[in-house]
């Protein structure tokens, strides 16, 4: 699991994402951890 803190530059995520994809890792993205909408409905847009 990769957790990005507030304020992290977008290019930092791109570096991590590129490395994970190069290794064949499946990437699932979700909203902020503990976000109420995601807790109530994990299939909501942006929660996976």
C-alpha atoms as a PDB file:
ATOM      1  CA  UNK A   1       0.000   0.000   0.000  1.00  0.00           C
ATOM      2  CA  UNK A   2       1.271   3.437  -0.902  1.00  0.00           C
ATOM      3  CA  UNK A   3      -0.045   6.377   1.108  1.00  0.00           C
ATOM      4  CA  UNK A   4       0.668   9.909  -0.092  1.00  0.00           C
ATOM      5  CA  UNK A   5       0.730  12.644   2.509  1.00  0.00           C
ATOM      6  CA  UNK A   6      -0.861  16.026   1.857  1.00  0.00           C
ATOM      7  CA  UNK A   7       1.436  18.348  -0.045  1.00  0.00           C
ATOM      8  CA  UNK A   8       3.421  15.665  -1.890  1.00  0.00           C
ATOM      9  CA  UNK A   9       4.372  16.835  -5.372  1.00  0.00           C
ATOM     10  CA  UNK A  10       2.533  15.050  -8.192  1.00  0.00           C
ATOM     11  CA  UNK A  11       5.826  14.133  -9.850  1.00  0.00           C
ATOM     12  CA  UNK A  12       6.758  12.061  -6.768  1.00  0.00           C
ATOM     13  CA  UNK A  13       3.691   9.834  -7.290  1.00  0.00           C
ATOM     14  CA  UNK A  14       4.497   9.541 -11.000  1.00  0.00           C
ATOM     15  CA  UNK A  15       7.951   8.152 -10.125  1.00  0.00           C
ATOM     16  CA  UNK A  16       6.441   5.545  -7.793  1.00  0.00           C
ATOM     17  CA  UNK A  17       3.640   4.697 -10.244  1.00  0.00           C
ATOM     18  CA  UNK A  18       6.109   4.242 -13.117  1.00  0.00           C
ATOM     19  CA  UNK A  19       8.276   1.898 -11.033  1.00  0.00           C
ATOM     20  CA  UNK A  20       5.275  -0.175  -9.897  1.00  0.00           C
ATOM     21  CA  UNK A  21       3.890  -0.491 -13.425  1.00  0.00           C
ATOM     22  CA  UNK A  22       7.329  -1.463 -14.748  1.00  0.00           C
ATOM     23  CA  UNK A  23       7.284  -4.372 -12.281  1.00  0.00           C
ATOM     24  CA  UNK A  24       3.786  -5.393 -13.369  1.00  0.00           C
ATOM     25  CA  UNK A  25       2.027  -4.310 -10.181  1.00  0.00           C
ATOM     26  CA  UNK A  26      -1.716  -3.762 -10.313  1.00  0.00           C
ATOM     27  CA  UNK A  27      -2.624  -0.256  -9.193  1.00  0.00           C
ATOM     28  CA  UNK A  28      -5.946   0.510  -7.551  1.00  0.00           C
ATOM     29  CA  UNK A  29      -6.568   4.053  -6.383  1.00  0.00           C
ATOM     30  CA  UNK A  30      -8.939   5.404  -3.771  1.00  0.00           C
ATOM     31  CA  UNK A  31      -9.701   8.631  -2.022  1.00  0.00           C
ATOM     32  CA  UNK A  32      -8.289   9.725   1.311  1.00  0.00           C
ATOM     33  CA  UNK A  33      -7.983   7.038   3.992  1.00  0.00           C
ATOM     34  CA  UNK A  34     -10.897   7.205   6.359  1.00  0.00           C
ATOM     35  CA  UNK A  35     -12.967   9.301   3.954  1.00  0.00           C
ATOM     36  CA  UNK A  36     -16.593   8.915   5.090  1.00  0.00           C
ATOM     37  CA  UNK A  37     -18.016   8.261   1.610  1.00  0.00           C
ATOM     38  CA  UNK A  38     -15.438   5.526   0.967  1.00  0.00           C
ATOM     39  CA  UNK A  39     -16.124   3.914   4.346  1.00  0.00           C
ATOM     40  CA  UNK A  40     -19.875   3.871   3.632  1.00  0.00           C
ATOM     41  CA  UNK A  41     -19.560   2.849  -0.017  1.00  0.00           C
ATOM     42  CA  UNK A  42     -16.122   1.505  -1.000  1.00  0.00           C
ATOM     43  CA  UNK A  43     -17.286   1.159  -4.615  1.00  0.00           C
ATOM     44  CA  UNK A  44     -17.975   4.889  -4.949  1.00  0.00           C
ATOM     45  CA  UNK A  45     -16.031   6.744  -7.631  1.00  0.00           C
ATOM     46  CA  UNK A  46     -12.498   7.464  -6.411  1.00  0.00           C
ATOM     47  CA  UNK A  47     -12.592   4.983  -3.523  1.00  0.00           C
ATOM     48  CA  UNK A  48     -10.820   2.041  -5.104  1.00  0.00           C
END
